[in-house]
């Protein structure tokens, strides 16, 4: 395993920023001073790890090739991954709130 110059926290928060922002990944990469391809790779890895559909170059990956409908099982997997992500985001916000509350006291 190679030694990364970015911490896991930085990569995770960068991915969250990309996924929750209306800004382009390229702009966010520039703002964070990260290579654009690196940020795209982090997002792709995150999506694969959380069973979130990964679309590349405008083409949807599906079993039939031309159908975008998902089965109930696929929908459940997607929704579970989304639920997990939302819980992580909520926990991060709780920690941030507690941190900033300490700062104001």
PDB file of N, CA and C in Angstrom:
ATOM      1  N   UNK A   1       0.848  -1.177   0.000  1.00  0.00           N
ATOM      2  CA  UNK A   1       0.000   0.000   0.000  1.00  0.00           C
ATOM      3  C   UNK A   1       0.892   1.238   0.000  1.00  0.00           C
ATOM      4  N   UNK A   2       0.606   2.154  -0.877  1.00  0.00           N
ATOM      5  CA  UNK A   2       1.438   3.351  -0.965  1.00  0.00           C
ATOM      6  C   UNK A   2       1.029   4.386   0.082  1.00  0.00           C
ATOM      7  N   UNK A   3       1.942   5.228   0.397  1.00  0.00           N
ATOM      8  CA  UNK A   3       1.719   6.258   1.398  1.00  0.00           C
ATOM      9  C   UNK A   3       1.036   7.454   0.740  1.00  0.00           C
ATOM     10  N   UNK A   4      -0.198   7.718   1.087  1.00  0.00           N
ATOM     11  CA  UNK A   4      -0.967   8.792   0.475  1.00  0.00           C
ATOM     12  C   UNK A   4      -0.641  10.128   1.133  1.00  0.00           C
ATOM     13  N   UNK A   5      -0.638  11.177   0.321  1.00  0.00           N
ATOM     14  CA  UNK A   5      -0.373  12.489   0.899  1.00  0.00           C
ATOM     15  C   UNK A   5      -1.642  13.120   1.466  1.00  0.00           C
ATOM     16  N   UNK A   6      -2.776  12.480   1.245  1.00  0.00           N
ATOM     17  CA  UNK A   6      -4.057  12.968   1.768  1.00  0.00           C
ATOM     18  C   UNK A   6      -4.566  12.019   2.840  1.00  0.00           C
ATOM     19  N   UNK A   7      -5.098  12.581   3.911  1.00  0.00           N
ATOM     20  CA  UNK A   7      -5.642  11.745   4.983  1.00  0.00           C
ATOM     21  C   UNK A   7      -6.990  11.178   4.565  1.00  0.00           C
ATOM     22  N   UNK A   8      -7.400  10.132   5.234  1.00  0.00           N
ATOM     23  CA  UNK A   8      -8.699   9.504   4.956  1.00  0.00           C
ATOM     24  C   UNK A   8      -9.819  10.521   5.207  1.00  0.00           C
ATOM     25  N   UNK A   9      -9.692  11.293   6.275  1.00  0.00           N
ATOM     26  CA  UNK A   9     -10.711  12.310   6.598  1.00  0.00           C
ATOM     27  C   UNK A   9     -10.855  13.325   5.470  1.00  0.00           C
ATOM     28  N   UNK A  10      -9.716  13.773   4.936  1.00  0.00           N
ATOM     29  CA  UNK A  10      -9.750  14.754   3.853  1.00  0.00           C
ATOM     30  C   UNK A  10     -10.420  14.158   2.618  1.00  0.00           C
ATOM     31  N   UNK A  11     -10.054  12.921   2.284  1.00  0.00           N
ATOM     32  CA  UNK A  11     -10.663  12.275   1.115  1.00  0.00           C
ATOM     33  C   UNK A  11     -12.161  12.102   1.308  1.00  0.00           C
ATOM     34  N   UNK A  12     -12.566  11.633   2.499  1.00  0.00           N
ATOM     35  CA  UNK A  12     -13.992  11.425   2.760  1.00  0.00           C
ATOM     36  C   UNK A  12     -14.778  12.733   2.708  1.00  0.00           C
ATOM     37  N   UNK A  13     -14.230  13.772   3.312  1.00  0.00           N
ATOM     38  CA  UNK A  13     -14.952  15.047   3.301  1.00  0.00           C
ATOM     39  C   UNK A  13     -14.983  15.646   1.899  1.00  0.00           C
ATOM     40  N   UNK A  14     -13.943  15.416   1.108  1.00  0.00           N
ATOM     41  CA  UNK A  14     -13.932  15.895  -0.277  1.00  0.00           C
ATOM     42  C   UNK A  14     -15.000  15.194  -1.096  1.00  0.00           C
ATOM     43  N   UNK A  15     -15.125  13.896  -0.900  1.00  0.00           N
ATOM     44  CA  UNK A  15     -16.158  13.123  -1.611  1.00  0.00           C
ATOM     45  C   UNK A  15     -17.541  13.613  -1.211  1.00  0.00           C
ATOM     46  N   UNK A  16     -17.744  13.838   0.089  1.00  0.00           N
ATOM     47  CA  UNK A  16     -19.040  14.333   0.552  1.00  0.00           C
ATOM     48  C   UNK A  16     -19.353  15.685  -0.069  1.00  0.00           C
ATOM     49  N   UNK A  17     -18.358  16.528  -0.180  1.00  0.00           N
ATOM     50  CA  UNK A  17     -18.538  17.840  -0.787  1.00  0.00           C
ATOM     51  C   UNK A  17     -18.974  17.708  -2.243  1.00  0.00           C
ATOM     52  N   UNK A  18     -18.343  16.816  -2.976  1.00  0.00           N
ATOM     53  CA  UNK A  18     -18.706  16.597  -4.377  1.00  0.00           C
ATOM     54  C   UNK A  18     -20.131  16.078  -4.492  1.00  0.00           C
ATOM     55  N   UNK A  19     -20.474  15.118  -3.646  1.00  0.00           N
ATOM     56  CA  UNK A  19     -21.784  14.477  -3.747  1.00  0.00           C
ATOM     57  C   UNK A  19     -22.927  15.372  -3.280  1.00  0.00           C
ATOM     58  N   UNK A  20     -22.640  16.318  -2.389  1.00  0.00           N
ATOM     59  CA  UNK A  20     -23.696  17.152  -1.830  1.00  0.00           C
ATOM     60  C   UNK A  20     -23.710  18.564  -2.391  1.00  0.00           C
ATOM     61  N   UNK A  21     -22.850  18.842  -3.343  1.00  0.00           N
ATOM     62  CA  UNK A  21     -22.731  20.188  -3.878  1.00  0.00           C
ATOM     63  C   UNK A  21     -23.269  20.255  -5.300  1.00  0.00           C
ATOM     64  N   UNK A  22     -23.688  21.430  -5.695  1.00  0.00           N
ATOM     65  CA  UNK A  22     -24.127  21.640  -7.070  1.00  0.00           C
ATOM     66  C   UNK A  22     -22.966  22.078  -7.959  1.00  0.00           C
ATOM     67  N   UNK A  23     -21.794  22.253  -7.350  1.00  0.00           N
ATOM     68  CA  UNK A  23     -20.598  22.638  -8.101  1.00  0.00           C
ATOM     69  C   UNK A  23     -20.046  21.432  -8.860  1.00  0.00           C
ATOM     70  N   UNK A  24     -19.305  21.696  -9.915  1.00  0.00           N
ATOM     71  CA  UNK A  24     -18.709  20.610 -10.679  1.00  0.00           C
ATOM     72  C   UNK A  24     -17.535  20.017  -9.894  1.00  0.00           C
ATOM     73  N   UNK A  25     -17.263  18.763 -10.178  1.00  0.00           N
ATOM     74  CA  UNK A  25     -16.142  18.097  -9.527  1.00  0.00           C
ATOM     75  C   UNK A  25     -14.839  18.794  -9.885  1.00  0.00           C
ATOM     76  N   UNK A  26     -14.732  19.254 -11.112  1.00  0.00           N
ATOM     77  CA  UNK A  26     -13.515  19.948 -11.550  1.00  0.00           C
ATOM     78  C   UNK A  26     -13.286  21.215 -10.729  1.00  0.00           C
ATOM     79  N   UNK A  27     -14.357  21.981 -10.484  1.00  0.00           N
ATOM     80  CA  UNK A  27     -14.222  23.223  -9.716  1.00  0.00           C
ATOM     81  C   UNK A  27     -13.846  22.921  -8.267  1.00  0.00           C
ATOM     82  N   UNK A  28     -14.484  21.903  -7.698  1.00  0.00           N
ATOM     83  CA  UNK A  28     -14.179  21.535  -6.310  1.00  0.00           C
ATOM     84  C   UNK A  28     -12.732  21.066  -6.206  1.00  0.00           C
ATOM     85  N   UNK A  29     -12.281  20.281  -7.186  1.00  0.00           N
ATOM     86  CA  UNK A  29     -10.893  19.815  -7.183  1.00  0.00           C
ATOM     87  C   UNK A  29      -9.933  20.995  -7.228  1.00  0.00           C
ATOM     88  N   UNK A  30     -10.254  21.974  -8.056  1.00  0.00           N
ATOM     89  CA  UNK A  30      -9.398  23.162  -8.159  1.00  0.00           C
ATOM     90  C   UNK A  30      -9.392  23.929  -6.839  1.00  0.00           C
ATOM     91  N   UNK A  31     -10.575  24.093  -6.231  1.00  0.00           N
ATOM     92  CA  UNK A  31     -10.679  24.809  -4.960  1.00  0.00           C
ATOM     93  C   UNK A  31      -9.897  24.108  -3.839  1.00  0.00           C
ATOM     94  N   UNK A  32      -9.909  22.775  -3.864  1.00  0.00           N
ATOM     95  CA  UNK A  32      -9.224  22.004  -2.824  1.00  0.00           C
ATOM     96  C   UNK A  32      -7.749  21.761  -3.159  1.00  0.00           C
ATOM     97  N   UNK A  33      -7.345  22.193  -4.338  1.00  0.00           N
ATOM     98  CA  UNK A  33      -5.969  21.990  -4.806  1.00  0.00           C
ATOM     99  C   UNK A  33      -5.628  20.505  -4.885  1.00  0.00           C
ATOM    100  N   UNK A  34      -6.571  19.756  -5.492  1.00  0.00           N
ATOM    101  CA  UNK A  34      -6.423  18.318  -5.694  1.00  0.00           C
ATOM    102  C   UNK A  34      -6.537  18.061  -7.186  1.00  0.00           C
ATOM    103  N   UNK A  35      -5.793  17.100  -7.686  1.00  0.00           N
ATOM    104  CA  UNK A  35      -5.903  16.733  -9.087  1.00  0.00           C
ATOM    105  C   UNK A  35      -7.333  16.270  -9.370  1.00  0.00           C
ATOM    106  N   UNK A  36      -7.892  16.755 -10.473  1.00  0.00           N
ATOM    107  CA  UNK A  36      -9.279  16.439 -10.832  1.00  0.00           C
ATOM    108  C   UNK A  36      -9.506  14.935 -10.958  1.00  0.00           C
ATOM    109  N   UNK A  37      -8.588  14.228 -11.606  1.00  0.00           N
ATOM    110  CA  UNK A  37      -8.739  12.777 -11.783  1.00  0.00           C
ATOM    111  C   UNK A  37      -8.696  12.057 -10.441  1.00  0.00           C
ATOM    112  N   UNK A  38      -7.874  12.561  -9.534  1.00  0.00           N
ATOM    113  CA  UNK A  38      -7.785  11.964  -8.203  1.00  0.00           C
ATOM    114  C   UNK A  38      -9.129  12.061  -7.494  1.00  0.00           C
ATOM    115  N   UNK A  39      -9.747  13.236  -7.564  1.00  0.00           N
ATOM    116  CA  UNK A  39     -11.048  13.425  -6.911  1.00  0.00           C
ATOM    117  C   UNK A  39     -12.118  12.541  -7.557  1.00  0.00           C
ATOM    118  N   UNK A  40     -12.096  12.452  -8.895  1.00  0.00           N
ATOM    119  CA  UNK A  40     -13.038  11.556  -9.576  1.00  0.00           C
ATOM    120  C   UNK A  40     -12.842  10.115  -9.113  1.00  0.00           C
ATOM    121  N   UNK A  41     -11.597   9.690  -8.930  1.00  0.00           N
ATOM    122  CA  UNK A  41     -11.327   8.329  -8.467  1.00  0.00           C
ATOM    123  C   UNK A  41     -11.858   8.112  -7.053  1.00  0.00           C
ATOM    124  N   UNK A  42     -11.664   9.101  -6.180  1.00  0.00           N
ATOM    125  CA  UNK A  42     -12.174   8.975  -4.813  1.00  0.00           C
ATOM    126  C   UNK A  42     -13.695   8.823  -4.806  1.00  0.00           C
ATOM    127  N   UNK A  43     -14.366   9.617  -5.632  1.00  0.00           N
ATOM    128  CA  UNK A  43     -15.831   9.548  -5.704  1.00  0.00           C
ATOM    129  C   UNK A  43     -16.266   8.188  -6.236  1.00  0.00           C
ATOM    130  N   UNK A  44     -15.605   7.706  -7.291  1.00  0.00           N
ATOM    131  CA  UNK A  44     -15.956   6.411  -7.873  1.00  0.00           C
ATOM    132  C   UNK A  44     -15.760   5.286  -6.855  1.00  0.00           C
ATOM    133  N   UNK A  45     -14.636   5.310  -6.125  1.00  0.00           N
ATOM    134  CA  UNK A  45     -14.372   4.299  -5.101  1.00  0.00           C
ATOM    135  C   UNK A  45     -15.431   4.340  -4.003  1.00  0.00           C
ATOM    136  N   UNK A  46     -15.800   5.545  -3.590  1.00  0.00           N
ATOM    137  CA  UNK A  46     -16.824   5.696  -2.551  1.00  0.00           C
ATOM    138  C   UNK A  46     -18.154   5.110  -3.022  1.00  0.00           C
ATOM    139  N   UNK A  47     -18.530   5.419  -4.255  1.00  0.00           N
ATOM    140  CA  UNK A  47     -19.792   4.902  -4.782  1.00  0.00           C
ATOM    141  C   UNK A  47     -19.779   3.387  -4.865  1.00  0.00           C
ATOM    142  N   UNK A  48     -18.678   2.810  -5.313  1.00  0.00           N
ATOM    143  CA  UNK A  48     -18.595   1.353  -5.395  1.00  0.00           C
ATOM    144  C   UNK A  48     -18.656   0.720  -4.011  1.00  0.00           C
ATOM    145  N   UNK A  49     -17.981   1.325  -3.037  1.00  0.00           N
ATOM    146  CA  UNK A  49     -17.965   0.781  -1.677  1.00  0.00           C
ATOM    147  C   UNK A  49     -19.340   0.850  -1.020  1.00  0.00           C
ATOM    148  N   UNK A  50     -20.163   1.818  -1.429  1.00  0.00           N
ATOM    149  CA  UNK A  50     -21.485   2.001  -0.826  1.00  0.00           C
ATOM    150  C   UNK A  50     -22.626   1.573  -1.746  1.00  0.00           C
ATOM    151  N   UNK A  51     -22.307   0.799  -2.771  1.00  0.00           N
ATOM    152  CA  UNK A  51     -23.305   0.282  -3.718  1.00  0.00           C
ATOM    153  C   UNK A  51     -24.174   1.374  -4.329  1.00  0.00           C
ATOM    154  N   UNK A  52     -23.560   2.478  -4.666  1.00  0.00           N
ATOM    155  CA  UNK A  52     -24.255   3.561  -5.343  1.00  0.00           C
ATOM    156  C   UNK A  52     -23.940   3.420  -6.823  1.00  0.00           C
ATOM    157  N   UNK A  53     -24.959   3.456  -7.679  1.00  0.00           N
ATOM    158  CA  UNK A  53     -24.700   3.277  -9.114  1.00  0.00           C
ATOM    159  C   UNK A  53     -23.672   4.284  -9.626  1.00  0.00           C
ATOM    160  N   UNK A  54     -22.735   3.775 -10.402  1.00  0.00           N
ATOM    161  CA  UNK A  54     -21.683   4.611 -10.972  1.00  0.00           C
ATOM    162  C   UNK A  54     -21.973   4.774 -12.457  1.00  0.00           C
ATOM    163  N   UNK A  55     -22.168   6.011 -12.879  1.00  0.00           N
ATOM    164  CA  UNK A  55     -22.418   6.299 -14.280  1.00  0.00           C
ATOM    165  C   UNK A  55     -21.161   6.913 -14.860  1.00  0.00           C
ATOM    166  N   UNK A  56     -20.808   6.462 -16.039  1.00  0.00           N
ATOM    167  CA  UNK A  56     -19.606   7.002 -16.644  1.00  0.00           C
ATOM    168  C   UNK A  56     -19.915   7.514 -18.034  1.00  0.00           C
ATOM    169  N   UNK A  57     -19.529   8.747 -18.284  1.00  0.00           N
ATOM    170  CA  UNK A  57     -19.678   9.387 -19.589  1.00  0.00           C
ATOM    171  C   UNK A  57     -21.102   9.344 -20.118  1.00  0.00           C
ATOM    172  N   UNK A  58     -22.056   9.488 -19.228  1.00  0.00           N
ATOM    173  CA  UNK A  58     -23.448   9.602 -19.638  1.00  0.00           C
ATOM    174  C   UNK A  58     -24.151   8.293 -19.924  1.00  0.00           C
ATOM    175  N   UNK A  59     -23.487   7.172 -19.757  1.00  0.00           N
ATOM    176  CA  UNK A  59     -24.115   5.888 -20.028  1.00  0.00           C
ATOM    177  C   UNK A  59     -24.388   5.177 -18.723  1.00  0.00           C
ATOM    178  N   UNK A  60     -25.611   4.692 -18.568  1.00  0.00           N
ATOM    179  CA  UNK A  60     -25.972   3.977 -17.348  1.00  0.00           C
ATOM    180  C   UNK A  60     -25.546   2.525 -17.474  1.00  0.00           C
ATOM    181  N   UNK A  61     -25.021   1.991 -16.402  1.00  0.00           N
ATOM    182  CA  UNK A  61     -24.659   0.575 -16.428  1.00  0.00           C
ATOM    183  C   UNK A  61     -25.863  -0.217 -15.936  1.00  0.00           C
ATOM    184  N   UNK A  62     -26.375  -1.049 -16.790  1.00  0.00           N
ATOM    185  CA  UNK A  62     -27.523  -1.880 -16.420  1.00  0.00           C
ATOM    186  C   UNK A  62     -27.375  -3.242 -17.058  1.00  0.00           C
ATOM    187  N   UNK A  63     -28.109  -4.210 -16.560  1.00  0.00           N
ATOM    188  CA  UNK A  63     -27.986  -5.576 -17.057  1.00  0.00           C
ATOM    189  C   UNK A  63     -28.441  -5.684 -18.508  1.00  0.00           C
ATOM    190  N   UNK A  64     -29.529  -5.027 -18.841  1.00  0.00           N
ATOM    191  CA  UNK A  64     -30.049  -5.149 -20.195  1.00  0.00           C
ATOM    192  C   UNK A  64     -29.378  -4.184 -21.159  1.00  0.00           C
ATOM    193  N   UNK A  65     -28.673  -3.204 -20.643  1.00  0.00           N
ATOM    194  CA  UNK A  65     -27.965  -2.285 -21.514  1.00  0.00           C
ATOM    195  C   UNK A  65     -28.795  -1.078 -21.906  1.00  0.00           C
ATOM    196  N   UNK A  66     -30.121  -1.233 -22.045  1.00  0.00           N
ATOM    197  CA  UNK A  66     -30.929  -0.087 -22.444  1.00  0.00           C
ATOM    198  C   UNK A  66     -32.039   0.240 -21.463  1.00  0.00           C
ATOM    199  N   UNK A  67     -32.152  -0.524 -20.410  1.00  0.00           N
ATOM    200  CA  UNK A  67     -33.207  -0.291 -19.428  1.00  0.00           C
ATOM    201  C   UNK A  67     -32.634   0.382 -18.195  1.00  0.00           C
ATOM    202  N   UNK A  68     -33.272   1.461 -17.769  1.00  0.00           N
ATOM    203  CA  UNK A  68     -32.819   2.154 -16.567  1.00  0.00           C
ATOM    204  C   UNK A  68     -33.637   1.769 -15.343  1.00  0.00           C
ATOM    205  N   UNK A  69     -34.631   0.912 -15.523  1.00  0.00           N
ATOM    206  CA  UNK A  69     -35.452   0.491 -14.388  1.00  0.00           C
ATOM    207  C   UNK A  69     -34.654  -0.462 -13.517  1.00  0.00           C
ATOM    208  N   UNK A  70     -34.846  -0.310 -12.206  1.00  0.00           N
ATOM    209  CA  UNK A  70     -34.134  -1.178 -11.287  1.00  0.00           C
ATOM    210  C   UNK A  70     -35.117  -2.114 -10.596  1.00  0.00           C
ATOM    211  N   UNK A  71     -34.627  -3.273 -10.228  1.00  0.00           N
ATOM    212  CA  UNK A  71     -35.470  -4.228  -9.528  1.00  0.00           C
ATOM    213  C   UNK A  71     -35.634  -3.776  -8.085  1.00  0.00           C
ATOM    214  N   UNK A  72     -36.557  -4.413  -7.392  1.00  0.00           N
ATOM    215  CA  UNK A  72     -36.791  -4.070  -5.986  1.00  0.00           C
ATOM    216  C   UNK A  72     -35.527  -4.337  -5.161  1.00  0.00           C
ATOM    217  N   UNK A  73     -34.816  -5.405  -5.486  1.00  0.00           N
ATOM    218  CA  UNK A  73     -33.591  -5.733  -4.755  1.00  0.00           C
ATOM    219  C   UNK A  73     -32.509  -4.670  -4.995  1.00  0.00           C
ATOM    220  N   UNK A  74     -32.364  -4.223  -6.238  1.00  0.00           N
ATOM    221  CA  UNK A  74     -31.392  -3.177  -6.557  1.00  0.00           C
ATOM    222  C   UNK A  74     -31.766  -1.869  -5.859  1.00  0.00           C
ATOM    223  N   UNK A  75     -33.067  -1.572  -5.850  1.00  0.00           N
ATOM    224  CA  UNK A  75     -33.527  -0.350  -5.192  1.00  0.00           C
ATOM    225  C   UNK A  75     -33.236  -0.411  -3.696  1.00  0.00           C
ATOM    226  N   UNK A  76     -33.486  -1.583  -3.087  1.00  0.00           N
ATOM    227  CA  UNK A  76     -33.192  -1.745  -1.664  1.00  0.00           C
ATOM    228  C   UNK A  76     -31.711  -1.541  -1.377  1.00  0.00           C
ATOM    229  N   UNK A  77     -30.842  -2.100  -2.215  1.00  0.00           N
ATOM    230  CA  UNK A  77     -29.404  -1.926  -2.034  1.00  0.00           C
ATOM    231  C   UNK A  77     -29.028  -0.449  -2.131  1.00  0.00           C
ATOM    232  N   UNK A  78     -29.579   0.212  -3.135  1.00  0.00           N
ATOM    233  CA  UNK A  78     -29.287   1.629  -3.343  1.00  0.00           C
ATOM    234  C   UNK A  78     -29.767   2.461  -2.165  1.00  0.00           C
ATOM    235  N   UNK A  79     -30.991   2.186  -1.715  1.00  0.00           N
ATOM    236  CA  UNK A  79     -31.554   2.949  -0.610  1.00  0.00           C
ATOM    237  C   UNK A  79     -30.820   2.680   0.700  1.00  0.00           C
ATOM    238  N   UNK A  80     -30.382   1.450   0.914  1.00  0.00           N
ATOM    239  CA  UNK A  80     -29.600   1.143   2.114  1.00  0.00           C
ATOM    240  C   UNK A  80     -28.277   1.905   2.105  1.00  0.00           C
ATOM    241  N   UNK A  81     -27.637   1.948   0.944  1.00  0.00           N
ATOM    242  CA  UNK A  81     -26.373   2.684   0.827  1.00  0.00           C
ATOM    243  C   UNK A  81     -26.607   4.176   1.061  1.00  0.00           C
ATOM    244  N   UNK A  82     -27.683   4.690   0.499  1.00  0.00           N
ATOM    245  CA  UNK A  82     -28.006   6.103   0.688  1.00  0.00           C
ATOM    246  C   UNK A  82     -28.308   6.393   2.157  1.00  0.00           C
ATOM    247  N   UNK A  83     -29.039   5.491   2.798  1.00  0.00           N
ATOM    248  CA  UNK A  83     -29.364   5.646   4.215  1.00  0.00           C
ATOM    249  C   UNK A  83     -28.090   5.646   5.059  1.00  0.00           C
ATOM    250  N   UNK A  84     -27.167   4.750   4.733  1.00  0.00           N
ATOM    251  CA  UNK A  84     -25.891   4.691   5.450  1.00  0.00           C
ATOM    252  C   UNK A  84     -25.133   6.007   5.295  1.00  0.00           C
ATOM    253  N   UNK A  85     -25.115   6.518   4.086  1.00  0.00           N
ATOM    254  CA  UNK A  85     -24.429   7.781   3.805  1.00  0.00           C
ATOM    255  C   UNK A  85     -25.070   8.935   4.578  1.00  0.00           C
ATOM    256  N   UNK A  86     -26.389   8.971   4.596  1.00  0.00           N
ATOM    257  CA  UNK A  86     -27.089  10.037   5.317  1.00  0.00           C
ATOM    258  C   UNK A  86     -26.823   9.972   6.813  1.00  0.00           C
ATOM    259  N   UNK A  87     -26.740   8.769   7.352  1.00  0.00           N
ATOM    260  CA  UNK A  87     -26.431   8.620   8.772  1.00  0.00           C
ATOM    261  C   UNK A  87     -25.014   9.115   9.064  1.00  0.00           C
ATOM    262  N   UNK A  88     -24.073   8.815   8.159  1.00  0.00           N
ATOM    263  CA  UNK A  88     -22.704   9.302   8.333  1.00  0.00           C
ATOM    264  C   UNK A  88     -22.674  10.828   8.313  1.00  0.00           C
ATOM    265  N   UNK A  89     -23.408  11.412   7.368  1.00  0.00           N
ATOM    266  CA  UNK A  89     -23.451  12.872   7.268  1.00  0.00           C
ATOM    267  C   UNK A  89     -24.057  13.482   8.525  1.00  0.00           C
ATOM    268  N   UNK A  90     -25.114  12.867   9.027  1.00  0.00           N
ATOM    269  CA  UNK A  90     -25.749  13.358  10.244  1.00  0.00           C
ATOM    270  C   UNK A  90     -24.780  13.322  11.413  1.00  0.00           C
ATOM    271  N   UNK A  91     -24.038  12.210  11.531  1.00  0.00           N
ATOM    272  CA  UNK A  91     -23.077  12.081  12.626  1.00  0.00           C
ATOM    273  C   UNK A  91     -21.973  13.126  12.520  1.00  0.00           C
ATOM    274  N   UNK A  92     -21.526  13.392  11.303  1.00  0.00           N
ATOM    275  CA  UNK A  92     -20.502  14.421  11.099  1.00  0.00           C
ATOM    276  C   UNK A  92     -21.041  15.780  11.530  1.00  0.00           C
ATOM    277  N   UNK A  93     -22.276  16.073  11.158  1.00  0.00           N
ATOM    278  CA  UNK A  93     -22.879  17.359  11.532  1.00  0.00           C
ATOM    279  C   UNK A  93     -23.062  17.472  13.041  1.00  0.00           C
ATOM    280  N   UNK A  94     -23.404  16.374  13.705  1.00  0.00           N
ATOM    281  CA  UNK A  94     -23.534  16.390  15.162  1.00  0.00           C
ATOM    282  C   UNK A  94     -22.197  16.723  15.813  1.00  0.00           C
ATOM    283  N   UNK A  95     -21.132  16.092  15.316  1.00  0.00           N
ATOM    284  CA  UNK A  95     -19.798  16.348  15.869  1.00  0.00           C
ATOM    285  C   UNK A  95     -19.378  17.791  15.624  1.00  0.00           C
ATOM    286  N   UNK A  96     -19.666  18.297  14.435  1.00  0.00           N
ATOM    287  CA  UNK A  96     -19.311  19.681  14.115  1.00  0.00           C
ATOM    288  C   UNK A  96     -20.081  20.646  15.007  1.00  0.00           C
ATOM    289  N   UNK A  97     -21.352  20.366  15.232  1.00  0.00           N
ATOM    290  CA  UNK A  97     -22.172  21.218  16.092  1.00  0.00           C
ATOM    291  C   UNK A  97     -21.609  21.235  17.508  1.00  0.00           C
ATOM    292  N   UNK A  98     -21.242  20.067  18.017  1.00  0.00           N
ATOM    293  CA  UNK A  98     -20.676  19.986  19.363  1.00  0.00           C
ATOM    294  C   UNK A  98     -19.357  20.742  19.432  1.00  0.00           C
ATOM    295  N   UNK A  99     -18.545  20.618  18.403  1.00  0.00           N
ATOM    296  CA  UNK A  99     -17.252  21.311  18.368  1.00  0.00           C
ATOM    297  C   UNK A  99     -17.443  22.821  18.397  1.00  0.00           C
ATOM    298  N   UNK A 100     -18.330  23.316  17.547  1.00  0.00           N
ATOM    299  CA  UNK A 100     -18.546  24.756  17.493  1.00  0.00           C
ATOM    300  C   UNK A 100     -19.275  25.277  18.726  1.00  0.00           C
ATOM    301  N   UNK A 101     -20.077  24.448  19.345  1.00  0.00           N
ATOM    302  CA  UNK A 101     -20.742  24.851  20.583  1.00  0.00           C
ATOM    303  C   UNK A 101     -19.701  25.043  21.686  1.00  0.00           C
ATOM    304  N   UNK A 102     -18.672  24.198  21.708  1.00  0.00           N
ATOM    305  CA  UNK A 102     -17.601  24.341  22.695  1.00  0.00           C
ATOM    306  C   UNK A 102     -16.832  25.638  22.457  1.00  0.00           C
ATOM    307  N   UNK A 103     -16.655  26.003  21.213  1.00  0.00           N
ATOM    308  CA  UNK A 103     -15.908  27.213  20.860  1.00  0.00           C
ATOM    309  C   UNK A 103     -16.613  28.480  21.373  1.00  0.00           C
ATOM    310  N   UNK A 104     -17.933  28.467  21.401  1.00  0.00           N
ATOM    311  CA  UNK A 104     -18.674  29.660  21.785  1.00  0.00           C
ATOM    312  C   UNK A 104     -18.824  29.791  23.300  1.00  0.00           C
ATOM    313  N   UNK A 105     -18.553  28.735  24.040  1.00  0.00           N
ATOM    314  CA  UNK A 105     -18.705  28.797  25.499  1.00  0.00           C
ATOM    315  C   UNK A 105     -17.547  29.439  26.170  1.00  0.00           C
TER     316      UNK A 105
END
